């Protein structure tokens, strides 16, 4: 059982507390303190389910591109960590590293740990023991002031490579004919 400090509005609806970058360091110490949570900015978002608990975190860095630096990630509180499916993006509060946004591979049943992956292949995966995890928030959506760059899918890359190969063959044949 995980106890969560939370706030509600005047109509007793769950607020979405906002953890901006400037509150990130304090959140690691204050995540379970109702007074700290009460001081965070809050808002409502009617498109989210009313029977769940959400929190919004501002992320930093480029490890989860195309979700960029200073984007806002909204996560749903995860009570039962065993139910997290592999390849689920989550915001985790870690005892040592603080708030991280990663794709989770759940090895809780076998090895009592999670393997955390970045979307950016420049960052290698790493493991964290379950005992080092304080909270997990499953990704719901994000808000960004930047439009992500278009990512080419494998099929599109394959077709582009095929087109380039064809053009190279045409150039080779043209060179052979000139010789």
N, C-alpha and C. Protein backbone atom coordinates (compact mmCIF):
# COMPACT_ATOMS: atom_id res chain seq x y z
N UNK A 1 0.85 -1.18 0.00
CA UNK A 1 0.00 0.00 0.00
C UNK A 1 0.88 1.23 0.00
N UNK A 2 0.62 2.13 -0.91
CA UNK A 2 1.40 3.36 -1.02
C UNK A 2 0.50 4.55 -0.66
N UNK A 3 0.97 5.36 0.27
CA UNK A 3 0.22 6.53 0.70
C UNK A 3 0.69 7.72 -0.13
N UNK A 4 -0.27 8.48 -0.63
CA UNK A 4 0.04 9.59 -1.52
C UNK A 4 -0.52 10.89 -0.95
N UNK A 5 0.35 11.88 -0.80
CA UNK A 5 -0.11 13.21 -0.41
C UNK A 5 -0.74 13.85 -1.64
N UNK A 6 -1.91 14.47 -1.47
CA UNK A 6 -2.63 15.01 -2.61
C UNK A 6 -3.45 16.23 -2.17
N UNK A 7 -4.02 16.92 -3.15
CA UNK A 7 -4.89 18.06 -2.87
C UNK A 7 -6.17 17.91 -3.66
N UNK A 8 -7.22 18.59 -3.19
CA UNK A 8 -8.51 18.60 -3.88
C UNK A 8 -8.99 20.04 -3.99
N UNK A 9 -9.89 20.29 -4.94
CA UNK A 9 -10.43 21.64 -5.10
C UNK A 9 -11.64 21.82 -4.18
N UNK A 10 -12.31 22.95 -4.30
CA UNK A 10 -13.45 23.27 -3.42
C UNK A 10 -14.60 22.28 -3.60
N UNK A 11 -14.71 21.65 -4.76
CA UNK A 11 -15.77 20.66 -5.01
C UNK A 11 -15.31 19.24 -4.69
N UNK A 12 -14.16 19.13 -4.00
CA UNK A 12 -13.61 17.84 -3.58
C UNK A 12 -13.15 16.97 -4.76
N UNK A 13 -12.79 17.62 -5.88
CA UNK A 13 -12.21 16.90 -7.02
C UNK A 13 -10.70 16.92 -6.90
N UNK A 14 -10.08 15.82 -7.30
CA UNK A 14 -8.62 15.72 -7.27
C UNK A 14 -7.99 16.79 -8.15
N UNK A 15 -7.03 17.52 -7.61
CA UNK A 15 -6.24 18.46 -8.39
C UNK A 15 -5.11 17.71 -9.10
N UNK A 16 -4.60 18.32 -10.12
CA UNK A 16 -3.35 17.85 -10.72
C UNK A 16 -2.28 18.81 -10.21
N UNK A 17 -1.41 18.31 -9.35
CA UNK A 17 -0.34 19.14 -8.83
C UNK A 17 0.76 19.23 -9.89
N UNK A 18 1.41 20.39 -9.94
CA UNK A 18 2.44 20.66 -10.94
C UNK A 18 3.80 20.73 -10.24
N UNK A 19 4.74 19.93 -10.75
CA UNK A 19 6.10 19.93 -10.20
C UNK A 19 7.03 20.55 -11.25
N UNK A 20 7.25 21.88 -11.17
CA UNK A 20 8.13 22.54 -12.13
C UNK A 20 9.60 22.22 -11.82
N UNK A 21 10.48 22.53 -12.74
CA UNK A 21 11.91 22.24 -12.54
C UNK A 21 12.43 22.83 -11.23
N UNK A 22 11.99 24.05 -10.89
CA UNK A 22 12.51 24.69 -9.68
C UNK A 22 12.06 23.95 -8.40
N UNK A 23 11.02 23.13 -8.48
CA UNK A 23 10.56 22.36 -7.32
C UNK A 23 11.06 20.91 -7.36
N UNK A 24 11.78 20.57 -8.42
CA UNK A 24 12.21 19.18 -8.63
C UNK A 24 13.06 18.65 -7.47
N UNK A 25 14.03 19.42 -7.03
CA UNK A 25 14.91 18.98 -5.93
C UNK A 25 14.13 18.82 -4.63
N UNK A 26 13.24 19.76 -4.35
CA UNK A 26 12.44 19.69 -3.13
C UNK A 26 11.44 18.56 -3.14
N UNK A 27 11.00 18.15 -4.32
CA UNK A 27 10.00 17.09 -4.43
C UNK A 27 10.51 15.78 -3.86
N UNK A 28 11.79 15.49 -4.04
CA UNK A 28 12.35 14.24 -3.52
C UNK A 28 12.21 14.16 -2.00
N UNK A 29 12.37 15.28 -1.31
CA UNK A 29 12.21 15.28 0.14
C UNK A 29 10.73 15.47 0.55
N UNK A 30 9.97 16.21 -0.27
CA UNK A 30 8.62 16.59 0.14
C UNK A 30 7.48 15.83 -0.49
N UNK A 31 7.76 14.80 -1.30
CA UNK A 31 6.71 14.10 -2.04
C UNK A 31 5.63 13.51 -1.12
N UNK A 32 5.98 13.15 0.10
CA UNK A 32 5.01 12.55 1.01
C UNK A 32 4.51 13.55 2.05
N UNK A 33 4.95 14.77 1.97
CA UNK A 33 4.58 15.80 2.94
C UNK A 33 3.39 16.61 2.42
N UNK A 34 2.22 16.48 3.07
CA UNK A 34 1.04 17.22 2.60
C UNK A 34 1.27 18.73 2.51
N UNK A 35 2.09 19.29 3.39
CA UNK A 35 2.35 20.74 3.35
C UNK A 35 3.13 21.12 2.09
N UNK A 36 4.12 20.32 1.72
CA UNK A 36 4.88 20.59 0.51
C UNK A 36 3.97 20.47 -0.71
N UNK A 37 3.19 19.40 -0.78
CA UNK A 37 2.30 19.17 -1.92
C UNK A 37 1.27 20.28 -2.02
N UNK A 38 0.77 20.76 -0.89
CA UNK A 38 -0.23 21.83 -0.88
C UNK A 38 0.32 23.13 -1.49
N UNK A 39 1.64 23.34 -1.44
CA UNK A 39 2.25 24.57 -1.96
C UNK A 39 2.51 24.52 -3.47
N UNK A 40 2.37 23.34 -4.08
CA UNK A 40 2.60 23.23 -5.52
C UNK A 40 1.44 23.86 -6.28
N UNK A 41 1.70 24.41 -7.47
CA UNK A 41 0.60 24.89 -8.31
C UNK A 41 -0.31 23.72 -8.68
N UNK A 42 -1.59 24.00 -8.90
CA UNK A 42 -2.55 22.94 -9.25
C UNK A 42 -3.43 23.40 -10.40
N UNK A 43 -4.04 22.43 -11.07
CA UNK A 43 -5.02 22.73 -12.11
C UNK A 43 -5.90 21.52 -12.32
N UNK A 44 -6.94 21.69 -13.13
CA UNK A 44 -7.86 20.60 -13.52
C UNK A 44 -7.75 20.43 -15.03
N UNK A 45 -7.94 19.20 -15.49
CA UNK A 45 -7.94 18.93 -16.91
C UNK A 45 -9.11 17.99 -17.19
N UNK A 46 -10.20 18.52 -17.74
CA UNK A 46 -11.43 17.74 -17.86
C UNK A 46 -11.33 16.54 -18.81
N UNK A 47 -10.29 16.45 -19.62
CA UNK A 47 -10.19 15.30 -20.53
C UNK A 47 -9.64 14.05 -19.84
N UNK A 48 -9.15 14.20 -18.61
CA UNK A 48 -8.63 13.05 -17.87
C UNK A 48 -9.73 12.41 -17.04
N UNK A 49 -9.57 11.13 -16.75
CA UNK A 49 -10.58 10.40 -15.97
C UNK A 49 -10.61 10.93 -14.55
N UNK A 50 -11.80 11.09 -14.01
CA UNK A 50 -11.94 11.70 -12.68
C UNK A 50 -11.66 10.72 -11.53
N UNK A 51 -11.60 9.43 -11.81
CA UNK A 51 -11.39 8.46 -10.73
C UNK A 51 -9.93 8.05 -10.58
N UNK A 52 -9.02 8.83 -11.15
CA UNK A 52 -7.60 8.52 -11.08
C UNK A 52 -6.84 9.74 -10.56
N UNK A 53 -5.63 9.49 -10.09
CA UNK A 53 -4.79 10.57 -9.56
C UNK A 53 -3.68 10.90 -10.56
N UNK A 54 -3.56 12.18 -10.90
CA UNK A 54 -2.57 12.63 -11.87
C UNK A 54 -1.66 13.68 -11.24
N UNK A 55 -0.46 13.76 -11.78
CA UNK A 55 0.48 14.82 -11.41
C UNK A 55 1.25 15.20 -12.66
N UNK A 56 1.68 16.45 -12.76
CA UNK A 56 2.42 16.92 -13.92
C UNK A 56 3.83 17.32 -13.50
N UNK A 57 4.81 16.83 -14.28
CA UNK A 57 6.22 17.06 -14.00
C UNK A 57 6.87 17.74 -15.19
N UNK A 58 7.68 18.75 -14.92
CA UNK A 58 8.47 19.35 -15.99
C UNK A 58 9.78 18.56 -16.08
N UNK A 59 10.07 18.07 -17.29
CA UNK A 59 11.27 17.26 -17.46
C UNK A 59 12.41 18.09 -18.03
N UNK A 60 13.62 17.60 -17.85
CA UNK A 60 14.78 18.31 -18.39
C UNK A 60 15.67 17.32 -19.13
N UNK A 61 16.39 17.84 -20.11
CA UNK A 61 17.33 17.01 -20.85
C UNK A 61 16.75 16.51 -22.16
N UNK A 62 17.57 15.71 -22.86
CA UNK A 62 17.18 15.21 -24.18
C UNK A 62 17.11 13.70 -24.25
N UNK A 63 17.07 13.03 -23.12
CA UNK A 63 17.09 11.56 -23.13
C UNK A 63 15.78 10.96 -23.64
N UNK A 64 14.71 11.73 -23.68
CA UNK A 64 13.42 11.19 -24.12
C UNK A 64 12.91 11.87 -25.39
N UNK A 65 13.85 12.39 -26.19
CA UNK A 65 13.44 12.98 -27.46
C UNK A 65 12.63 11.97 -28.26
N UNK A 66 11.55 12.38 -28.90
CA UNK A 66 11.18 13.73 -29.30
C UNK A 66 10.46 14.56 -28.23
N UNK A 67 10.22 14.01 -27.05
CA UNK A 67 9.67 14.82 -25.96
C UNK A 67 10.83 15.63 -25.41
N UNK A 68 10.80 16.92 -25.66
CA UNK A 68 11.98 17.75 -25.45
C UNK A 68 12.15 18.31 -24.06
N UNK A 69 13.29 18.94 -23.89
CA UNK A 69 13.68 19.60 -22.66
C UNK A 69 12.61 20.62 -22.24
N UNK A 70 12.28 20.63 -21.00
CA UNK A 70 11.31 21.54 -20.37
C UNK A 70 9.86 21.27 -20.76
N UNK A 71 9.60 20.12 -21.37
CA UNK A 71 8.22 19.71 -21.64
C UNK A 71 7.56 19.33 -20.32
N UNK A 72 6.25 19.30 -20.34
CA UNK A 72 5.46 18.95 -19.17
C UNK A 72 4.82 17.58 -19.41
N UNK A 73 5.09 16.63 -18.53
CA UNK A 73 4.58 15.27 -18.66
C UNK A 73 3.55 15.02 -17.57
N UNK A 74 2.36 14.59 -17.98
CA UNK A 74 1.31 14.25 -17.03
C UNK A 74 1.31 12.74 -16.84
N UNK A 75 1.35 12.34 -15.58
CA UNK A 75 1.37 10.92 -15.26
C UNK A 75 0.25 10.54 -14.33
N UNK A 76 -0.21 9.29 -14.45
CA UNK A 76 -1.22 8.72 -13.57
C UNK A 76 -0.51 7.91 -12.48
N UNK A 77 -0.87 8.14 -11.24
CA UNK A 77 -0.23 7.44 -10.12
C UNK A 77 -0.42 5.94 -10.24
N UNK A 78 0.68 5.20 -10.04
CA UNK A 78 0.64 3.75 -10.10
C UNK A 78 0.75 3.20 -8.69
N UNK A 79 -0.32 2.59 -8.24
CA UNK A 79 -0.34 1.99 -6.90
C UNK A 79 0.35 0.63 -6.91
N UNK A 80 0.01 -0.21 -7.88
CA UNK A 80 0.54 -1.57 -7.96
C UNK A 80 1.61 -1.65 -9.05
N UNK A 81 2.86 -1.65 -8.65
CA UNK A 81 3.97 -1.64 -9.58
C UNK A 81 4.07 -2.94 -10.38
N UNK A 82 3.53 -4.01 -9.88
CA UNK A 82 3.57 -5.28 -10.60
C UNK A 82 2.76 -5.22 -11.89
N UNK A 83 1.81 -4.33 -11.97
CA UNK A 83 0.96 -4.22 -13.16
C UNK A 83 1.56 -3.38 -14.28
N UNK A 84 2.71 -2.80 -14.04
CA UNK A 84 3.35 -2.01 -15.10
C UNK A 84 3.84 -2.96 -16.17
N UNK A 85 3.38 -2.73 -17.39
CA UNK A 85 3.79 -3.56 -18.52
C UNK A 85 5.11 -3.06 -19.08
N UNK A 86 5.87 -3.99 -19.67
CA UNK A 86 7.12 -3.61 -20.31
C UNK A 86 6.87 -2.56 -21.38
N UNK A 87 7.84 -1.69 -21.55
CA UNK A 87 7.82 -0.60 -22.53
C UNK A 87 6.78 0.48 -22.20
N UNK A 88 6.50 0.63 -20.90
CA UNK A 88 5.57 1.68 -20.47
C UNK A 88 6.36 2.92 -20.07
N UNK A 89 6.11 4.06 -20.70
CA UNK A 89 6.79 5.29 -20.27
C UNK A 89 6.23 5.74 -18.92
N UNK A 90 7.13 6.11 -18.03
CA UNK A 90 6.73 6.52 -16.68
C UNK A 90 7.66 7.62 -16.16
N UNK A 91 7.10 8.43 -15.27
CA UNK A 91 7.90 9.33 -14.47
C UNK A 91 8.13 8.60 -13.15
N UNK A 92 9.40 8.47 -12.77
CA UNK A 92 9.73 7.78 -11.53
C UNK A 92 10.40 8.75 -10.59
N UNK A 93 10.11 8.63 -9.31
CA UNK A 93 10.84 9.36 -8.29
C UNK A 93 11.79 8.36 -7.66
N UNK A 94 13.09 8.59 -7.87
CA UNK A 94 14.12 7.69 -7.37
C UNK A 94 14.79 8.32 -6.15
N UNK A 95 15.13 7.46 -5.20
CA UNK A 95 15.76 7.92 -3.95
C UNK A 95 17.03 8.74 -4.23
N UNK A 96 17.86 8.29 -5.17
CA UNK A 96 19.13 8.96 -5.45
C UNK A 96 19.03 9.98 -6.59
N UNK A 97 18.40 9.60 -7.69
CA UNK A 97 18.40 10.44 -8.90
C UNK A 97 17.27 11.45 -8.96
N UNK A 98 16.31 11.37 -8.07
CA UNK A 98 15.17 12.29 -8.11
C UNK A 98 14.19 11.88 -9.20
N UNK A 99 13.65 12.87 -9.90
CA UNK A 99 12.63 12.63 -10.92
C UNK A 99 13.29 12.28 -12.25
N UNK A 100 12.88 11.12 -12.82
CA UNK A 100 13.35 10.73 -14.15
C UNK A 100 12.14 10.30 -14.98
N UNK A 101 12.24 10.54 -16.27
CA UNK A 101 11.21 10.12 -17.21
C UNK A 101 11.84 9.10 -18.13
N UNK A 102 11.36 7.84 -18.08
CA UNK A 102 11.97 6.75 -18.82
C UNK A 102 10.90 5.75 -19.27
N UNK A 103 11.32 4.87 -20.18
CA UNK A 103 10.50 3.73 -20.58
C UNK A 103 10.90 2.58 -19.67
N UNK A 104 9.90 1.99 -19.00
CA UNK A 104 10.16 0.99 -17.96
C UNK A 104 10.01 -0.42 -18.49
N UNK A 105 10.98 -1.26 -18.16
CA UNK A 105 10.86 -2.70 -18.35
C UNK A 105 10.79 -3.28 -16.94
N UNK A 106 9.71 -3.98 -16.68
CA UNK A 106 9.40 -4.43 -15.33
C UNK A 106 10.01 -5.81 -15.06
N UNK A 107 11.01 -5.83 -14.18
CA UNK A 107 11.62 -7.09 -13.74
C UNK A 107 11.41 -7.27 -12.25
N UNK A 108 10.32 -6.72 -11.77
CA UNK A 108 10.03 -6.73 -10.35
C UNK A 108 9.84 -8.14 -9.80
N UNK A 109 9.09 -8.97 -10.49
CA UNK A 109 8.82 -10.33 -10.00
C UNK A 109 10.07 -11.20 -9.96
N UNK A 110 10.91 -11.09 -10.99
CA UNK A 110 12.08 -11.97 -11.07
C UNK A 110 13.30 -11.43 -10.33
N UNK A 111 13.52 -10.11 -10.45
CA UNK A 111 14.79 -9.56 -9.96
C UNK A 111 14.63 -8.37 -9.01
N UNK A 112 13.39 -8.02 -8.68
CA UNK A 112 13.11 -6.91 -7.75
C UNK A 112 13.73 -5.58 -8.23
N UNK A 113 13.60 -5.36 -9.57
CA UNK A 113 14.16 -4.14 -10.14
C UNK A 113 13.43 -3.77 -11.42
N UNK A 114 13.75 -2.56 -11.87
CA UNK A 114 13.26 -2.06 -13.15
C UNK A 114 14.46 -1.74 -14.02
N UNK A 115 14.30 -1.93 -15.32
CA UNK A 115 15.30 -1.48 -16.28
C UNK A 115 14.70 -0.26 -16.97
N UNK A 116 15.43 0.85 -16.93
CA UNK A 116 14.94 2.12 -17.45
C UNK A 116 15.66 2.45 -18.76
N UNK A 117 14.87 2.74 -19.79
CA UNK A 117 15.37 3.03 -21.12
C UNK A 117 14.98 4.45 -21.51
N UNK A 118 15.86 5.09 -22.26
CA UNK A 118 15.57 6.39 -22.86
C UNK A 118 15.06 6.17 -24.27
N UNK A 119 14.28 7.11 -24.79
CA UNK A 119 13.88 7.06 -26.19
C UNK A 119 15.05 7.46 -27.09
N UNK A 120 15.92 8.29 -26.58
CA UNK A 120 17.09 8.72 -27.32
C UNK A 120 18.15 7.61 -27.23
N UNK A 121 18.51 7.00 -28.37
CA UNK A 121 19.44 5.87 -28.32
C UNK A 121 20.86 6.24 -27.85
N UNK A 122 21.15 7.50 -27.70
CA UNK A 122 22.46 7.92 -27.21
C UNK A 122 22.63 7.59 -25.72
N UNK A 123 21.54 7.30 -25.04
CA UNK A 123 21.59 7.02 -23.61
C UNK A 123 21.37 5.53 -23.37
N UNK A 124 22.29 4.87 -22.69
CA UNK A 124 22.13 3.43 -22.44
C UNK A 124 21.10 3.17 -21.34
N UNK A 125 20.46 1.99 -21.37
CA UNK A 125 19.54 1.64 -20.29
C UNK A 125 20.30 1.42 -18.98
N UNK A 126 19.59 1.54 -17.88
CA UNK A 126 20.19 1.24 -16.58
C UNK A 126 19.14 0.64 -15.67
N UNK A 127 19.61 -0.05 -14.64
CA UNK A 127 18.73 -0.76 -13.71
C UNK A 127 18.61 0.01 -12.41
N UNK A 128 17.42 -0.06 -11.81
CA UNK A 128 17.21 0.49 -10.47
C UNK A 128 16.50 -0.57 -9.62
N UNK A 129 16.95 -0.71 -8.41
CA UNK A 129 16.31 -1.63 -7.47
C UNK A 129 14.95 -1.06 -7.07
N UNK A 130 13.99 -1.93 -6.85
CA UNK A 130 12.66 -1.49 -6.44
C UNK A 130 12.73 -0.66 -5.15
N UNK A 131 13.66 -1.00 -4.28
CA UNK A 131 13.79 -0.28 -3.01
C UNK A 131 14.27 1.16 -3.21
N UNK A 132 14.82 1.47 -4.39
CA UNK A 132 15.26 2.84 -4.69
C UNK A 132 14.17 3.69 -5.33
N UNK A 133 13.02 3.08 -5.61
CA UNK A 133 11.91 3.79 -6.26
C UNK A 133 10.93 4.24 -5.19
N UNK A 134 10.57 5.52 -5.22
CA UNK A 134 9.64 6.07 -4.24
C UNK A 134 8.23 6.22 -4.81
N UNK A 135 8.12 6.63 -6.06
CA UNK A 135 6.82 6.79 -6.73
C UNK A 135 6.98 6.46 -8.20
N UNK A 136 5.86 6.01 -8.81
CA UNK A 136 5.81 5.81 -10.25
C UNK A 136 4.52 6.43 -10.78
N UNK A 137 4.64 7.19 -11.84
CA UNK A 137 3.53 7.86 -12.50
C UNK A 137 3.55 7.43 -13.97
N UNK A 138 2.54 6.69 -14.40
CA UNK A 138 2.48 6.21 -15.79
C UNK A 138 2.11 7.35 -16.72
N UNK A 139 2.87 7.48 -17.81
CA UNK A 139 2.68 8.53 -18.79
C UNK A 139 1.25 8.54 -19.33
N UNK A 140 0.65 9.72 -19.37
CA UNK A 140 -0.67 9.91 -19.99
C UNK A 140 -0.55 10.77 -21.24
N UNK A 141 0.08 11.93 -21.08
CA UNK A 141 0.28 12.83 -22.20
C UNK A 141 1.31 13.88 -21.82
N UNK A 142 1.63 14.73 -22.76
CA UNK A 142 2.59 15.78 -22.46
C UNK A 142 2.20 17.07 -23.16
N UNK A 143 2.75 18.15 -22.64
CA UNK A 143 2.53 19.49 -23.17
C UNK A 143 3.90 20.07 -23.47
N UNK A 144 4.05 20.63 -24.67
CA UNK A 144 5.33 21.18 -25.06
C UNK A 144 5.11 22.46 -25.85
N UNK A 145 6.07 23.36 -25.74
CA UNK A 145 6.00 24.59 -26.54
C UNK A 145 6.71 24.40 -27.87
N UNK A 146 7.27 23.20 -28.10
CA UNK A 146 7.96 22.91 -29.35
C UNK A 146 7.25 21.78 -30.09
N UNK A 147 7.22 21.89 -31.41
CA UNK A 147 6.68 20.82 -32.23
C UNK A 147 7.82 19.81 -32.46
N UNK A 148 7.58 18.52 -32.15
CA UNK A 148 8.67 17.55 -32.35
C UNK A 148 9.04 17.43 -33.82
N UNK A 149 10.33 17.17 -34.05
CA UNK A 149 10.78 16.97 -35.42
C UNK A 149 10.19 15.68 -35.95
N UNK A 150 9.94 15.67 -37.26
CA UNK A 150 9.37 14.48 -37.87
C UNK A 150 10.37 13.34 -37.80
N UNK A 151 9.91 12.19 -37.33
CA UNK A 151 10.75 11.00 -37.25
C UNK A 151 10.34 10.08 -38.38
N UNK A 152 11.31 9.63 -39.14
CA UNK A 152 11.01 8.72 -40.23
C UNK A 152 10.86 7.30 -39.68
N UNK A 153 9.84 6.61 -40.12
CA UNK A 153 9.64 5.23 -39.72
C UNK A 153 10.52 4.32 -40.55
N UNK A 154 10.68 3.08 -40.10
CA UNK A 154 11.54 2.13 -40.79
C UNK A 154 11.16 1.96 -42.26
N UNK A 155 9.88 1.89 -42.55
CA UNK A 155 9.45 1.73 -43.94
C UNK A 155 9.89 2.91 -44.78
N UNK A 156 9.72 4.10 -44.26
CA UNK A 156 10.12 5.30 -45.00
C UNK A 156 11.63 5.31 -45.20
N UNK A 157 12.39 4.91 -44.17
CA UNK A 157 13.84 4.85 -44.31
C UNK A 157 14.24 3.82 -45.36
N UNK A 158 13.57 2.68 -45.35
CA UNK A 158 13.86 1.62 -46.31
C UNK A 158 13.62 2.12 -47.74
N UNK A 159 12.50 2.79 -47.95
CA UNK A 159 12.18 3.30 -49.28
C UNK A 159 13.18 4.38 -49.72
N UNK A 160 13.60 5.22 -48.80
CA UNK A 160 14.59 6.24 -49.14
C UNK A 160 15.92 5.59 -49.50
N UNK A 161 16.32 4.57 -48.73
CA UNK A 161 17.55 3.86 -49.02
C UNK A 161 17.47 3.16 -50.38
N UNK A 162 16.33 2.56 -50.65
CA UNK A 162 16.12 1.90 -51.94
C UNK A 162 16.23 2.91 -53.10
N UNK A 163 15.64 4.08 -52.92
CA UNK A 163 15.70 5.12 -53.94
C UNK A 163 17.14 5.56 -54.16
N UNK A 164 17.90 5.74 -53.08
CA UNK A 164 19.30 6.15 -53.19
C UNK A 164 20.12 5.07 -53.90
N UNK A 165 19.87 3.81 -53.55
CA UNK A 165 20.58 2.71 -54.22
C UNK A 165 20.29 2.71 -55.73
N UNK A 166 19.05 2.93 -56.09
CA UNK A 166 18.68 2.99 -57.51
C UNK A 166 19.40 4.14 -58.22
N UNK A 167 19.45 5.30 -57.57
CA UNK A 167 20.13 6.44 -58.16
C UNK A 167 21.63 6.17 -58.31
N UNK A 168 22.23 5.51 -57.34
CA UNK A 168 23.65 5.15 -57.43
C UNK A 168 23.88 4.19 -58.59
N UNK A 169 22.98 3.23 -58.75
CA UNK A 169 23.10 2.29 -59.87
C UNK A 169 23.00 3.01 -61.21
N UNK A 170 22.09 3.96 -61.33
CA UNK A 170 21.95 4.74 -62.56
C UNK A 170 23.24 5.51 -62.84
N UNK A 171 23.81 6.12 -61.79
CA UNK A 171 25.07 6.86 -61.94
C UNK A 171 26.21 5.93 -62.34
N UNK A 172 26.30 4.76 -61.73
CA UNK A 172 27.33 3.78 -62.08
C UNK A 172 27.21 3.36 -63.53
N UNK A 173 25.99 3.06 -63.95
CA UNK A 173 25.77 2.65 -65.35
C UNK A 173 26.12 3.76 -66.31
N UNK A 174 25.78 4.98 -65.96
CA UNK A 174 26.12 6.13 -66.82
C UNK A 174 27.63 6.30 -66.92
N UNK A 175 28.34 6.12 -65.82
CA UNK A 175 29.80 6.21 -65.83
C UNK A 175 30.43 5.10 -66.69
N UNK A 176 29.89 3.89 -66.57
CA UNK A 176 30.39 2.75 -67.37
C UNK A 176 30.20 3.03 -68.85
N UNK A 177 29.08 3.61 -69.23
CA UNK A 177 28.80 3.89 -70.66
C UNK A 177 29.75 4.95 -71.20
N UNK A 178 30.18 5.89 -70.36
CA UNK A 178 31.08 6.95 -70.80
C UNK A 178 32.50 6.43 -70.97
N UNK A 179 32.82 5.36 -70.32
CA UNK A 179 34.19 4.83 -70.40
C UNK A 179 34.41 4.09 -71.64
